[in-house]
Amino acid sequence: MRTGRRHPYDFTLSVEASAHAICRIGDRLTMDSEDVLDLINNGRSICISNPFSNSQNRGRYLFYSGLENDFFVAVIAVSDISKKAILITILTREQHEQDIGKNLDRMSQKRAAKSVLTQKEYAEWVARSFPPVESSVNQSGKFKNIRLNIEYWDENAGRKLVIFSSPPISADALRSVPVRELLDNDVFAFWLLERLNRKAVPLDRIITFHLVCGIDNITELAI
């Protein structure tokens, strides 16, 4: 079974800050420069732009600041040999989005927030940041029209797809927990195994599975 993949440029860095970056940190964050560098150097920032796609080897790394309750983007020049790097500047979320011409995607936000928050803090952050669309949730707190799509390998037919409806899990859980972690939920795991057995889907032949809601697509939970 394929598990969630790290971005190839989420490697651990050894970053020092330029004088300009230290000034921008002071201007834009309550965190001091040492705390920002500690967060980046300990792998709690998320690569959202390949540092080796341009001649300056500059990448963009997203991180979440609980003090500001907001996201920031570190622009980092990375050595492709030693992984030593220089923090060039810090952008606010608005500056970054203006640069790229679109909003931060939800999955990057979730990954960045989850890397610095406790499990309880993260669940509360998800509930605040991505409340379920009212029309997509029923009175019992479960998503309507939710489907679990499972692709697996069949010796005779090759790749095949089975679709299961209405998994027994709340909207909040679906919003805050990656699919692979739902397997630790006894109710969900029993429900899934029972349906896989009915369809004679061998566990060791599963290629991918992901959740999709007909009203509010949540395929970013795919594994």
N, C-alpha and C. Protein backbone atom coordinates (compact mmCIF):
# COMPACT_ATOMS: atom_id res chain seq x y z
N MET A 1 0.85 -1.19 0.00
CA MET A 1 0.00 0.00 0.00
C MET A 1 0.89 1.24 0.00
N ARG A 2 0.61 2.17 -0.89
CA ARG A 2 1.44 3.34 -0.97
C ARG A 2 1.10 4.32 0.14
N THR A 3 2.11 4.83 0.80
CA THR A 3 1.89 5.79 1.87
C THR A 3 2.15 7.19 1.36
N GLY A 4 1.81 8.20 2.19
CA GLY A 4 1.99 9.58 1.80
C GLY A 4 3.46 9.88 1.56
N ARG A 5 3.75 10.67 0.55
CA ARG A 5 5.11 10.96 0.19
C ARG A 5 5.51 12.35 0.65
N ARG A 6 6.78 12.47 1.08
CA ARG A 6 7.34 13.77 1.36
C ARG A 6 7.76 14.40 0.05
N HIS A 7 7.69 15.72 -0.01
CA HIS A 7 8.20 16.44 -1.16
C HIS A 7 9.70 16.17 -1.25
N PRO A 8 10.26 15.97 -2.47
CA PRO A 8 11.69 15.64 -2.60
C PRO A 8 12.62 16.73 -2.09
N TYR A 9 12.10 17.94 -1.88
CA TYR A 9 12.94 19.02 -1.38
C TYR A 9 12.58 19.42 0.05
N ASP A 10 11.94 18.50 0.75
CA ASP A 10 11.66 18.70 2.18
C ASP A 10 12.82 18.19 3.03
N PHE A 11 13.99 18.05 2.42
CA PHE A 11 15.13 17.53 3.16
C PHE A 11 15.53 18.52 4.26
N THR A 12 16.26 18.00 5.24
CA THR A 12 16.74 18.83 6.34
C THR A 12 17.82 19.77 5.84
N LEU A 13 17.69 21.04 6.16
CA LEU A 13 18.62 22.05 5.70
C LEU A 13 19.54 22.50 6.82
N SER A 14 20.63 23.14 6.43
CA SER A 14 21.51 23.81 7.39
C SER A 14 21.55 25.27 6.97
N VAL A 15 20.67 26.07 7.56
CA VAL A 15 20.41 27.43 7.07
C VAL A 15 20.98 28.48 8.02
N GLU A 16 21.59 29.48 7.42
CA GLU A 16 21.98 30.68 8.13
C GLU A 16 21.20 31.85 7.52
N ALA A 17 20.97 32.89 8.31
CA ALA A 17 20.15 34.02 7.84
C ALA A 17 21.04 35.16 7.35
N SER A 18 20.63 35.74 6.24
CA SER A 18 21.31 36.96 5.77
C SER A 18 20.87 38.14 6.64
N ALA A 19 21.61 39.23 6.56
CA ALA A 19 21.24 40.43 7.32
C ALA A 19 19.87 40.93 6.89
N HIS A 20 19.60 40.86 5.59
CA HIS A 20 18.30 41.30 5.09
C HIS A 20 17.17 40.46 5.68
N ALA A 21 17.38 39.13 5.73
CA ALA A 21 16.35 38.24 6.27
C ALA A 21 16.09 38.53 7.74
N ILE A 22 17.14 38.80 8.49
CA ILE A 22 16.96 39.12 9.92
C ILE A 22 16.12 40.38 10.09
N CYS A 23 16.34 41.37 9.22
CA CYS A 23 15.52 42.60 9.27
C CYS A 23 14.06 42.30 8.94
N ARG A 24 13.84 41.47 7.92
CA ARG A 24 12.45 41.15 7.53
C ARG A 24 11.74 40.34 8.61
N ILE A 25 12.47 39.46 9.27
CA ILE A 25 11.87 38.71 10.38
C ILE A 25 11.41 39.68 11.46
N GLY A 26 12.27 40.65 11.79
CA GLY A 26 11.92 41.65 12.80
C GLY A 26 10.72 42.48 12.40
N ASP A 27 10.59 42.74 11.10
CA ASP A 27 9.48 43.56 10.60
C ASP A 27 8.16 42.80 10.58
N ARG A 28 8.21 41.49 10.34
CA ARG A 28 7.01 40.75 9.97
C ARG A 28 6.57 39.69 10.97
N LEU A 29 7.42 39.32 11.89
CA LEU A 29 7.06 38.26 12.83
C LEU A 29 7.34 38.67 14.26
N THR A 30 6.60 38.04 15.17
CA THR A 30 6.91 38.15 16.59
C THR A 30 8.06 37.22 16.94
N MET A 31 8.16 36.08 16.24
CA MET A 31 9.27 35.15 16.44
C MET A 31 10.58 35.85 16.14
N ASP A 32 11.64 35.49 16.86
CA ASP A 32 12.94 36.06 16.53
C ASP A 32 13.64 35.19 15.49
N SER A 33 14.76 35.68 14.98
CA SER A 33 15.43 35.00 13.88
C SER A 33 15.93 33.60 14.28
N GLU A 34 16.37 33.43 15.52
CA GLU A 34 16.85 32.13 15.97
C GLU A 34 15.72 31.10 15.96
N ASP A 35 14.53 31.52 16.38
CA ASP A 35 13.39 30.60 16.39
C ASP A 35 12.99 30.22 14.97
N VAL A 36 13.03 31.18 14.05
CA VAL A 36 12.70 30.90 12.65
C VAL A 36 13.70 29.91 12.06
N LEU A 37 14.99 30.14 12.29
CA LEU A 37 16.02 29.24 11.78
C LEU A 37 15.89 27.85 12.39
N ASP A 38 15.57 27.78 13.69
CA ASP A 38 15.39 26.49 14.35
C ASP A 38 14.24 25.73 13.71
N LEU A 39 13.15 26.42 13.40
CA LEU A 39 12.00 25.79 12.78
C LEU A 39 12.37 25.23 11.40
N ILE A 40 13.09 26.03 10.61
CA ILE A 40 13.48 25.59 9.26
C ILE A 40 14.49 24.46 9.33
N ASN A 41 15.50 24.60 10.17
CA ASN A 41 16.58 23.61 10.24
C ASN A 41 16.13 22.28 10.82
N ASN A 42 15.03 22.28 11.54
CA ASN A 42 14.51 21.03 12.11
C ASN A 42 13.41 20.41 11.27
N GLY A 43 13.31 20.85 10.02
CA GLY A 43 12.41 20.21 9.07
C GLY A 43 10.95 20.50 9.29
N ARG A 44 10.62 21.64 9.91
CA ARG A 44 9.22 21.97 10.16
C ARG A 44 8.71 23.05 9.22
N SER A 45 9.39 23.19 8.07
CA SER A 45 8.88 24.03 6.99
C SER A 45 8.62 23.13 5.79
N ILE A 46 7.74 23.57 4.90
CA ILE A 46 7.28 22.73 3.79
C ILE A 46 7.73 23.33 2.47
N CYS A 47 8.44 22.55 1.67
CA CYS A 47 8.90 23.04 0.37
C CYS A 47 7.72 23.23 -0.57
N ILE A 48 7.57 24.44 -1.09
CA ILE A 48 6.48 24.71 -2.05
C ILE A 48 7.03 25.21 -3.38
N SER A 49 8.36 25.29 -3.50
CA SER A 49 8.99 25.71 -4.76
C SER A 49 10.37 25.09 -4.84
N ASN A 50 10.62 24.33 -5.88
CA ASN A 50 11.87 23.62 -6.09
C ASN A 50 13.05 24.58 -6.13
N PRO A 51 14.01 24.44 -5.21
CA PRO A 51 15.15 25.36 -5.20
C PRO A 51 16.11 25.18 -6.37
N PHE A 52 15.97 24.07 -7.10
CA PHE A 52 16.89 23.80 -8.20
C PHE A 52 16.26 24.00 -9.57
N SER A 53 15.17 24.76 -9.61
CA SER A 53 14.51 25.03 -10.89
C SER A 53 14.91 26.38 -11.46
N ASN A 54 15.85 27.04 -10.81
CA ASN A 54 16.30 28.35 -11.29
C ASN A 54 17.80 28.48 -11.05
N SER A 55 18.43 29.41 -11.74
CA SER A 55 19.89 29.53 -11.71
C SER A 55 20.43 29.95 -10.35
N GLN A 56 19.59 30.56 -9.50
CA GLN A 56 20.03 31.01 -8.19
C GLN A 56 19.84 29.96 -7.10
N ASN A 57 19.27 28.82 -7.48
CA ASN A 57 19.00 27.75 -6.51
C ASN A 57 18.16 28.25 -5.33
N ARG A 58 17.16 29.06 -5.63
CA ARG A 58 16.31 29.60 -4.57
C ARG A 58 14.98 28.85 -4.53
N GLY A 59 14.64 28.37 -3.37
CA GLY A 59 13.35 27.71 -3.17
C GLY A 59 12.52 28.46 -2.16
N ARG A 60 11.25 28.11 -2.08
CA ARG A 60 10.36 28.73 -1.10
C ARG A 60 9.85 27.66 -0.15
N TYR A 61 9.95 27.97 1.14
CA TYR A 61 9.55 27.03 2.19
C TYR A 61 8.49 27.68 3.07
N LEU A 62 7.35 27.00 3.17
CA LEU A 62 6.21 27.51 3.93
C LEU A 62 6.31 27.08 5.39
N PHE A 63 6.03 28.00 6.30
CA PHE A 63 5.95 27.62 7.71
C PHE A 63 4.83 28.39 8.39
N TYR A 64 4.38 27.83 9.50
CA TYR A 64 3.26 28.41 10.25
C TYR A 64 3.77 28.97 11.56
N SER A 65 3.35 30.19 11.89
CA SER A 65 3.68 30.81 13.16
C SER A 65 2.44 30.86 14.03
N GLY A 66 2.48 30.14 15.15
CA GLY A 66 1.34 30.17 16.06
C GLY A 66 1.16 31.52 16.71
N LEU A 67 2.26 32.28 16.89
CA LEU A 67 2.16 33.60 17.52
C LEU A 67 1.35 34.56 16.65
N GLU A 68 1.57 34.47 15.34
CA GLU A 68 0.83 35.33 14.41
C GLU A 68 -0.45 34.66 13.90
N ASN A 69 -0.56 33.35 14.13
CA ASN A 69 -1.67 32.57 13.59
C ASN A 69 -1.76 32.77 12.08
N ASP A 70 -0.60 32.66 11.43
CA ASP A 70 -0.55 32.89 10.00
C ASP A 70 0.65 32.17 9.41
N PHE A 71 0.66 32.12 8.06
CA PHE A 71 1.74 31.47 7.34
C PHE A 71 2.71 32.50 6.79
N PHE A 72 3.97 32.04 6.68
CA PHE A 72 5.02 32.85 6.09
C PHE A 72 5.84 31.97 5.16
N VAL A 73 6.54 32.61 4.23
CA VAL A 73 7.33 31.87 3.26
C VAL A 73 8.79 32.31 3.36
N ALA A 74 9.66 31.35 3.61
CA ALA A 74 11.09 31.60 3.66
C ALA A 74 11.67 31.38 2.27
N VAL A 75 12.33 32.40 1.74
CA VAL A 75 13.03 32.27 0.46
C VAL A 75 14.47 31.88 0.77
N ILE A 76 14.87 30.69 0.30
CA ILE A 76 16.15 30.11 0.73
C ILE A 76 16.98 29.72 -0.49
N ALA A 77 18.24 30.13 -0.49
CA ALA A 77 19.19 29.70 -1.51
C ALA A 77 19.89 28.45 -1.00
N VAL A 78 19.76 27.35 -1.74
CA VAL A 78 20.21 26.04 -1.26
C VAL A 78 21.37 25.52 -2.10
N SER A 79 22.41 25.02 -1.44
CA SER A 79 23.50 24.34 -2.14
C SER A 79 23.04 22.94 -2.51
N ASP A 80 23.18 22.58 -3.77
CA ASP A 80 22.73 21.25 -4.19
C ASP A 80 23.72 20.15 -3.79
N ILE A 81 24.84 20.54 -3.19
CA ILE A 81 25.83 19.54 -2.79
C ILE A 81 25.77 19.28 -1.29
N SER A 82 25.88 20.34 -0.51
CA SER A 82 25.99 20.17 0.94
C SER A 82 24.68 20.36 1.68
N LYS A 83 23.67 20.89 1.00
CA LYS A 83 22.38 21.26 1.59
C LYS A 83 22.52 22.44 2.56
N LYS A 84 23.72 23.06 2.58
CA LYS A 84 23.85 24.30 3.33
C LYS A 84 23.11 25.39 2.57
N ALA A 85 22.54 26.33 3.31
CA ALA A 85 21.66 27.29 2.65
C ALA A 85 21.69 28.64 3.36
N ILE A 86 21.22 29.64 2.62
CA ILE A 86 21.12 30.99 3.17
C ILE A 86 19.67 31.44 3.08
N LEU A 87 19.13 31.88 4.21
CA LEU A 87 17.79 32.45 4.23
C LEU A 87 17.89 33.87 3.66
N ILE A 88 17.28 34.08 2.51
CA ILE A 88 17.40 35.36 1.80
C ILE A 88 16.42 36.39 2.35
N THR A 89 15.15 35.98 2.50
CA THR A 89 14.14 36.89 3.03
C THR A 89 12.94 36.09 3.51
N ILE A 90 12.04 36.77 4.18
CA ILE A 90 10.78 36.19 4.64
C ILE A 90 9.64 36.97 4.00
N LEU A 91 8.72 36.24 3.36
CA LEU A 91 7.55 36.86 2.75
C LEU A 91 6.32 36.57 3.60
N THR A 92 5.41 37.53 3.66
CA THR A 92 4.11 37.24 4.26
C THR A 92 3.33 36.36 3.31
N ARG A 93 2.30 35.76 3.82
CA ARG A 93 1.44 34.94 2.96
C ARG A 93 0.90 35.76 1.80
N GLU A 94 0.48 37.00 2.07
CA GLU A 94 -0.09 37.85 1.03
C GLU A 94 0.95 38.17 -0.05
N GLN A 95 2.18 38.44 0.35
CA GLN A 95 3.23 38.73 -0.63
C GLN A 95 3.50 37.53 -1.52
N HIS A 96 3.56 36.35 -0.91
CA HIS A 96 3.80 35.13 -1.68
C HIS A 96 2.66 34.88 -2.66
N GLU A 97 1.44 34.98 -2.18
CA GLU A 97 0.29 34.72 -3.05
C GLU A 97 0.22 35.72 -4.19
N GLN A 98 0.59 36.95 -3.93
CA GLN A 98 0.61 37.96 -4.98
C GLN A 98 1.69 37.61 -6.02
N ASP A 99 2.83 37.12 -5.55
CA ASP A 99 3.90 36.73 -6.46
C ASP A 99 3.48 35.61 -7.40
N ILE A 100 2.82 34.59 -6.84
CA ILE A 100 2.51 33.41 -7.66
C ILE A 100 1.14 33.51 -8.32
N GLY A 101 0.35 34.50 -7.93
CA GLY A 101 -0.94 34.72 -8.57
C GLY A 101 -2.03 33.75 -8.18
N LYS A 102 -1.89 33.10 -7.03
CA LYS A 102 -2.95 32.21 -6.55
C LYS A 102 -2.79 32.02 -5.05
N ASN A 103 -3.83 31.47 -4.42
CA ASN A 103 -3.81 31.25 -2.98
C ASN A 103 -3.00 30.01 -2.62
N LEU A 104 -2.52 29.98 -1.38
CA LEU A 104 -1.87 28.77 -0.89
C LEU A 104 -2.83 27.60 -0.95
N ASP A 105 -2.36 26.45 -1.41
CA ASP A 105 -3.26 25.30 -1.45
C ASP A 105 -3.47 24.75 -0.05
N ARG A 106 -4.60 24.12 0.13
CA ARG A 106 -5.02 23.64 1.45
C ARG A 106 -4.07 22.60 2.02
N MET A 107 -3.58 21.70 1.17
CA MET A 107 -2.73 20.63 1.68
C MET A 107 -1.42 21.17 2.22
N SER A 108 -0.83 22.15 1.55
CA SER A 108 0.42 22.75 2.04
C SER A 108 0.19 23.43 3.38
N GLN A 109 -0.94 24.13 3.51
CA GLN A 109 -1.25 24.76 4.78
C GLN A 109 -1.37 23.72 5.89
N LYS A 110 -2.05 22.62 5.61
CA LYS A 110 -2.24 21.59 6.63
C LYS A 110 -0.92 20.96 7.05
N ARG A 111 -0.07 20.69 6.07
CA ARG A 111 1.21 20.07 6.39
C ARG A 111 2.09 21.00 7.22
N ALA A 112 2.08 22.28 6.85
CA ALA A 112 2.90 23.24 7.59
C ALA A 112 2.38 23.43 9.01
N ALA A 113 1.07 23.54 9.17
CA ALA A 113 0.49 23.73 10.51
C ALA A 113 0.72 22.48 11.37
N LYS A 114 0.55 21.32 10.77
CA LYS A 114 0.67 20.08 11.55
C LYS A 114 2.10 19.88 12.04
N SER A 115 3.08 20.43 11.32
CA SER A 115 4.47 20.22 11.70
C SER A 115 4.89 21.01 12.93
N VAL A 116 4.07 21.99 13.34
CA VAL A 116 4.45 22.82 14.51
C VAL A 116 3.42 22.78 15.64
N LEU A 117 2.23 22.25 15.38
CA LEU A 117 1.18 22.25 16.39
C LEU A 117 1.04 20.87 17.03
N THR A 118 0.56 20.84 18.27
CA THR A 118 0.22 19.56 18.89
C THR A 118 -1.02 19.00 18.19
N GLN A 119 -1.30 17.73 18.45
CA GLN A 119 -2.46 17.11 17.80
C GLN A 119 -3.75 17.85 18.14
N LYS A 120 -3.91 18.25 19.40
CA LYS A 120 -5.11 18.97 19.82
C LYS A 120 -5.15 20.36 19.16
N GLU A 121 -4.02 21.06 19.16
CA GLU A 121 -3.96 22.38 18.54
C GLU A 121 -4.26 22.29 17.05
N TYR A 122 -3.73 21.24 16.42
CA TYR A 122 -3.94 21.07 14.98
C TYR A 122 -5.41 20.82 14.66
N ALA A 123 -6.06 19.96 15.43
CA ALA A 123 -7.49 19.69 15.21
C ALA A 123 -8.31 20.97 15.37
N GLU A 124 -7.97 21.77 16.38
CA GLU A 124 -8.69 23.03 16.60
C GLU A 124 -8.42 24.00 15.46
N TRP A 125 -7.19 24.02 14.96
CA TRP A 125 -6.84 24.91 13.84
C TRP A 125 -7.61 24.52 12.58
N VAL A 126 -7.69 23.22 12.30
CA VAL A 126 -8.43 22.76 11.12
C VAL A 126 -9.89 23.15 11.21
N ALA A 127 -10.48 22.97 12.41
CA ALA A 127 -11.90 23.31 12.59
C ALA A 127 -12.15 24.79 12.35
N ARG A 128 -11.20 25.63 12.77
CA ARG A 128 -11.34 27.07 12.55
C ARG A 128 -11.09 27.46 11.09
N SER A 129 -10.09 26.86 10.50
CA SER A 129 -9.63 27.29 9.18
C SER A 129 -10.43 26.70 8.04
N PHE A 130 -10.91 25.46 8.21
CA PHE A 130 -11.63 24.79 7.14
C PHE A 130 -12.92 24.19 7.67
N PRO A 131 -13.85 25.03 8.14
CA PRO A 131 -15.12 24.49 8.64
C PRO A 131 -15.88 23.79 7.51
N PRO A 132 -16.54 22.68 7.80
CA PRO A 132 -17.28 21.97 6.75
C PRO A 132 -18.34 22.86 6.12
N VAL A 133 -18.51 22.71 4.82
CA VAL A 133 -19.60 23.40 4.13
C VAL A 133 -20.91 22.86 4.69
N GLU A 134 -21.78 23.76 5.13
CA GLU A 134 -23.00 23.34 5.84
C GLU A 134 -23.82 22.35 5.03
N SER A 135 -23.92 22.58 3.72
CA SER A 135 -24.76 21.72 2.90
C SER A 135 -24.16 20.34 2.67
N SER A 136 -22.86 20.17 3.03
CA SER A 136 -22.22 18.88 2.77
C SER A 136 -22.22 17.95 3.97
N VAL A 137 -22.76 18.39 5.10
CA VAL A 137 -22.74 17.59 6.32
C VAL A 137 -24.16 17.34 6.81
N ASN A 138 -24.45 16.11 7.20
CA ASN A 138 -25.79 15.79 7.67
C ASN A 138 -25.92 16.09 9.17
N GLN A 139 -27.08 15.81 9.73
CA GLN A 139 -27.35 16.15 11.13
C GLN A 139 -26.48 15.38 12.11
N SER A 140 -25.98 14.24 11.73
CA SER A 140 -25.14 13.45 12.63
C SER A 140 -23.67 13.83 12.55
N GLY A 141 -23.35 14.85 11.73
CA GLY A 141 -21.98 15.32 11.65
C GLY A 141 -21.11 14.55 10.67
N LYS A 142 -21.72 13.82 9.75
CA LYS A 142 -20.97 13.09 8.74
C LYS A 142 -21.17 13.76 7.38
N PHE A 143 -20.15 13.63 6.51
CA PHE A 143 -20.28 14.18 5.17
C PHE A 143 -21.36 13.43 4.38
N LYS A 144 -22.06 14.17 3.54
CA LYS A 144 -22.96 13.55 2.59
C LYS A 144 -22.16 13.19 1.33
N ASN A 145 -22.62 12.16 0.64
CA ASN A 145 -22.05 11.79 -0.66
C ASN A 145 -20.54 11.54 -0.60
N ILE A 146 -20.05 11.03 0.51
CA ILE A 146 -18.62 10.76 0.62
C ILE A 146 -18.33 9.37 0.04
N ARG A 147 -17.22 9.28 -0.67
CA ARG A 147 -16.85 8.01 -1.29
C ARG A 147 -15.39 7.70 -0.98
N LEU A 148 -15.11 6.43 -0.79
CA LEU A 148 -13.74 5.97 -0.65
C LEU A 148 -13.41 5.18 -1.91
N ASN A 149 -12.52 5.73 -2.72
CA ASN A 149 -12.13 5.07 -3.98
C ASN A 149 -10.83 4.29 -3.74
N ILE A 150 -10.86 2.99 -4.06
CA ILE A 150 -9.70 2.14 -3.85
C ILE A 150 -9.29 1.51 -5.18
N GLU A 151 -8.05 1.74 -5.55
CA GLU A 151 -7.50 1.14 -6.77
C GLU A 151 -6.59 -0.01 -6.35
N TYR A 152 -6.75 -1.15 -7.03
CA TYR A 152 -5.92 -2.31 -6.69
C TYR A 152 -5.55 -3.07 -7.95
N TRP A 153 -4.64 -4.01 -7.80
CA TRP A 153 -4.15 -4.77 -8.96
C TRP A 153 -4.79 -6.14 -8.99
N ASP A 154 -5.38 -6.45 -10.13
CA ASP A 154 -6.00 -7.75 -10.37
C ASP A 154 -5.12 -8.51 -11.36
N GLU A 155 -4.78 -9.74 -11.02
CA GLU A 155 -3.86 -10.51 -11.87
C GLU A 155 -4.39 -10.67 -13.30
N ASN A 156 -5.71 -10.76 -13.46
CA ASN A 156 -6.29 -10.98 -14.77
C ASN A 156 -6.66 -9.68 -15.49
N ALA A 157 -7.18 -8.71 -14.73
CA ALA A 157 -7.71 -7.49 -15.36
C ALA A 157 -6.80 -6.28 -15.22
N GLY A 158 -5.71 -6.41 -14.46
CA GLY A 158 -4.83 -5.26 -14.26
C GLY A 158 -5.38 -4.33 -13.18
N ARG A 159 -5.24 -3.04 -13.37
CA ARG A 159 -5.70 -2.06 -12.38
C ARG A 159 -7.22 -2.03 -12.36
N LYS A 160 -7.80 -2.13 -11.15
CA LYS A 160 -9.25 -2.07 -10.99
C LYS A 160 -9.59 -1.09 -9.88
N LEU A 161 -10.82 -0.62 -9.91
CA LEU A 161 -11.29 0.36 -8.93
C LEU A 161 -12.55 -0.13 -8.26
N VAL A 162 -12.60 -0.02 -6.93
CA VAL A 162 -13.84 -0.26 -6.19
C VAL A 162 -14.17 1.02 -5.42
N ILE A 163 -15.45 1.27 -5.24
CA ILE A 163 -15.90 2.49 -4.58
C ILE A 163 -16.82 2.12 -3.43
N PHE A 164 -16.50 2.60 -2.23
CA PHE A 164 -17.33 2.38 -1.05
C PHE A 164 -17.91 3.72 -0.60
N SER A 165 -19.17 3.72 -0.21
CA SER A 165 -19.85 4.95 0.19
C SER A 165 -20.04 5.02 1.70
N SER A 166 -20.19 6.24 2.19
CA SER A 166 -20.57 6.54 3.57
C SER A 166 -19.68 5.91 4.63
N PRO A 167 -18.39 6.23 4.65
CA PRO A 167 -17.54 5.71 5.73
C PRO A 167 -17.99 6.24 7.08
N PRO A 168 -17.88 5.44 8.14
CA PRO A 168 -18.39 5.82 9.47
C PRO A 168 -17.42 6.73 10.22
N ILE A 169 -17.27 7.93 9.73
CA ILE A 169 -16.32 8.86 10.35
C ILE A 169 -16.89 10.27 10.25
N SER A 170 -16.66 11.09 11.26
CA SER A 170 -17.25 12.42 11.28
C SER A 170 -16.56 13.36 10.29
N ALA A 171 -17.25 14.45 9.95
CA ALA A 171 -16.69 15.46 9.06
C ALA A 171 -15.41 16.05 9.63
N ASP A 172 -15.41 16.31 10.94
CA ASP A 172 -14.23 16.90 11.58
C ASP A 172 -13.01 15.98 11.43
N ALA A 173 -13.23 14.68 11.62
CA ALA A 173 -12.12 13.74 11.51
C ALA A 173 -11.59 13.68 10.09
N LEU A 174 -12.50 13.69 9.12
CA LEU A 174 -12.07 13.66 7.73
C LEU A 174 -11.27 14.90 7.37
N ARG A 175 -11.64 16.02 7.98
CA ARG A 175 -10.94 17.27 7.71
C ARG A 175 -9.55 17.31 8.32
N SER A 176 -9.38 16.69 9.46
CA SER A 176 -8.14 16.91 10.22
C SER A 176 -7.17 15.74 10.19
N VAL A 177 -7.60 14.56 9.74
CA VAL A 177 -6.75 13.37 9.83
C VAL A 177 -6.49 12.80 8.44
N PRO A 178 -5.20 12.60 8.05
CA PRO A 178 -4.92 11.94 6.78
C PRO A 178 -5.52 10.54 6.74
N VAL A 179 -5.85 10.08 5.55
CA VAL A 179 -6.50 8.78 5.41
C VAL A 179 -5.71 7.68 6.09
N ARG A 180 -4.38 7.69 5.92
CA ARG A 180 -3.58 6.60 6.51
C ARG A 180 -3.73 6.54 8.02
N GLU A 181 -3.99 7.69 8.67
CA GLU A 181 -4.15 7.69 10.13
C GLU A 181 -5.55 7.23 10.53
N LEU A 182 -6.50 7.29 9.61
CA LEU A 182 -7.84 6.77 9.90
C LEU A 182 -7.80 5.27 10.13
N LEU A 183 -6.78 4.62 9.59
CA LEU A 183 -6.67 3.17 9.76
C LEU A 183 -6.45 2.78 11.22
N ASP A 184 -6.04 3.74 12.04
CA ASP A 184 -5.89 3.48 13.48
C ASP A 184 -7.21 3.59 14.23
N ASN A 185 -8.25 4.08 13.53
CA ASN A 185 -9.58 4.18 14.11
C ASN A 185 -10.27 2.82 13.97
N ASP A 186 -10.57 2.15 15.07
CA ASP A 186 -11.10 0.78 15.03
C ASP A 186 -12.39 0.68 14.23
N VAL A 187 -13.27 1.67 14.40
CA VAL A 187 -14.56 1.62 13.70
C VAL A 187 -14.34 1.72 12.19
N PHE A 188 -13.51 2.67 11.79
CA PHE A 188 -13.24 2.85 10.36
C PHE A 188 -12.52 1.63 9.79
N ALA A 189 -11.51 1.13 10.51
CA ALA A 189 -10.73 -0.01 10.02
C ALA A 189 -11.61 -1.26 9.85
N PHE A 190 -12.52 -1.53 10.83
CA PHE A 190 -13.42 -2.69 10.73
C PHE A 190 -14.35 -2.54 9.54
N TRP A 191 -14.90 -1.32 9.37
CA TRP A 191 -15.79 -1.04 8.23
C TRP A 191 -15.07 -1.29 6.91
N LEU A 192 -13.84 -0.80 6.81
CA LEU A 192 -13.08 -0.93 5.56
C LEU A 192 -12.73 -2.39 5.28
N LEU A 193 -12.23 -3.11 6.28
CA LEU A 193 -11.83 -4.50 6.06
C LEU A 193 -13.02 -5.37 5.67
N GLU A 194 -14.16 -5.11 6.29
CA GLU A 194 -15.37 -5.88 5.96
C GLU A 194 -15.74 -5.70 4.49
N ARG A 195 -15.67 -4.48 4.00
CA ARG A 195 -16.03 -4.22 2.61
C ARG A 195 -14.99 -4.71 1.62
N LEU A 196 -13.73 -4.67 2.01
CA LEU A 196 -12.69 -5.23 1.15
C LEU A 196 -12.86 -6.74 1.02
N ASN A 197 -13.22 -7.40 2.13
CA ASN A 197 -13.46 -8.84 2.08
C ASN A 197 -14.64 -9.18 1.19
N ARG A 198 -15.70 -8.39 1.30
CA ARG A 198 -16.88 -8.64 0.45
C ARG A 198 -16.53 -8.58 -1.03
N LYS A 199 -15.66 -7.65 -1.39
CA LYS A 199 -15.28 -7.45 -2.79
C LYS A 199 -14.08 -8.30 -3.19
N ALA A 200 -13.57 -9.08 -2.23
CA ALA A 200 -12.40 -9.94 -2.48
C ALA A 200 -11.21 -9.13 -2.96
N VAL A 201 -10.99 -7.99 -2.34
CA VAL A 201 -9.84 -7.14 -2.68
C VAL A 201 -8.69 -7.52 -1.75
N PRO A 202 -7.59 -8.06 -2.27
CA PRO A 202 -6.46 -8.45 -1.41
C PRO A 202 -5.72 -7.21 -0.90
N LEU A 203 -5.44 -7.18 0.39
CA LEU A 203 -4.79 -6.01 0.99
C LEU A 203 -3.43 -5.73 0.36
N ASP A 204 -2.70 -6.79 0.01
CA ASP A 204 -1.35 -6.57 -0.52
C ASP A 204 -1.35 -6.14 -1.99
N ARG A 205 -2.53 -6.01 -2.59
CA ARG A 205 -2.62 -5.58 -3.98
C ARG A 205 -3.17 -4.16 -4.11
N ILE A 206 -3.47 -3.52 -2.99
CA ILE A 206 -4.00 -2.16 -3.06
C ILE A 206 -2.90 -1.21 -3.52
N ILE A 207 -3.24 -0.37 -4.48
CA ILE A 207 -2.28 0.60 -5.02
C ILE A 207 -2.47 1.96 -4.34
N THR A 208 -3.68 2.48 -4.39
CA THR A 208 -3.97 3.77 -3.75
C THR A 208 -5.40 3.76 -3.24
N PHE A 209 -5.67 4.62 -2.27
CA PHE A 209 -7.06 4.92 -1.96
C PHE A 209 -7.17 6.35 -1.50
N HIS A 210 -8.31 6.98 -1.81
CA HIS A 210 -8.53 8.35 -1.38
C HIS A 210 -10.01 8.61 -1.19
N LEU A 211 -10.27 9.66 -0.43
CA LEU A 211 -11.64 10.06 -0.13
C LEU A 211 -12.06 11.20 -1.05
N VAL A 212 -13.28 11.13 -1.53
CA VAL A 212 -13.84 12.20 -2.37
C VAL A 212 -15.25 12.47 -1.90
N CYS A 213 -15.57 13.75 -1.76
CA CYS A 213 -16.92 14.16 -1.43
C CYS A 213 -17.53 14.80 -2.66
N GLY A 214 -18.77 14.43 -2.99
CA GLY A 214 -19.42 14.95 -4.18
C GLY A 214 -19.61 16.45 -4.15
N ILE A 215 -19.72 17.04 -2.95
CA ILE A 215 -19.93 18.48 -2.83
C ILE A 215 -18.63 19.20 -2.57
N ASP A 216 -17.81 18.65 -1.70
CA ASP A 216 -16.59 19.32 -1.27
C ASP A 216 -15.43 18.35 -1.44
N ASN A 217 -14.73 18.43 -2.58
CA ASN A 217 -13.69 17.47 -2.89
C ASN A 217 -12.56 17.53 -1.87
N ILE A 218 -12.21 16.40 -1.27
CA ILE A 218 -11.14 16.40 -0.27
C ILE A 218 -10.07 15.39 -0.68
N THR A 219 -9.76 15.31 -1.98
CA THR A 219 -8.80 14.33 -2.46
C THR A 219 -7.39 14.60 -1.95
N GLU A 220 -7.15 15.73 -1.31
CA GLU A 220 -5.82 15.96 -0.75
C GLU A 220 -5.51 15.00 0.39
N LEU A 221 -6.50 14.23 0.85
CA LEU A 221 -6.27 13.23 1.89
C LEU A 221 -5.79 11.91 1.30
N ALA A 222 -5.54 11.90 0.00
CA ALA A 222 -5.14 10.66 -0.64
C ALA A 222 -3.82 10.14 -0.08
N ILE A 223 -3.65 8.81 -0.08
CA ILE A 223 -2.34 8.24 0.28
C ILE A 223 -1.85 7.40 -0.88
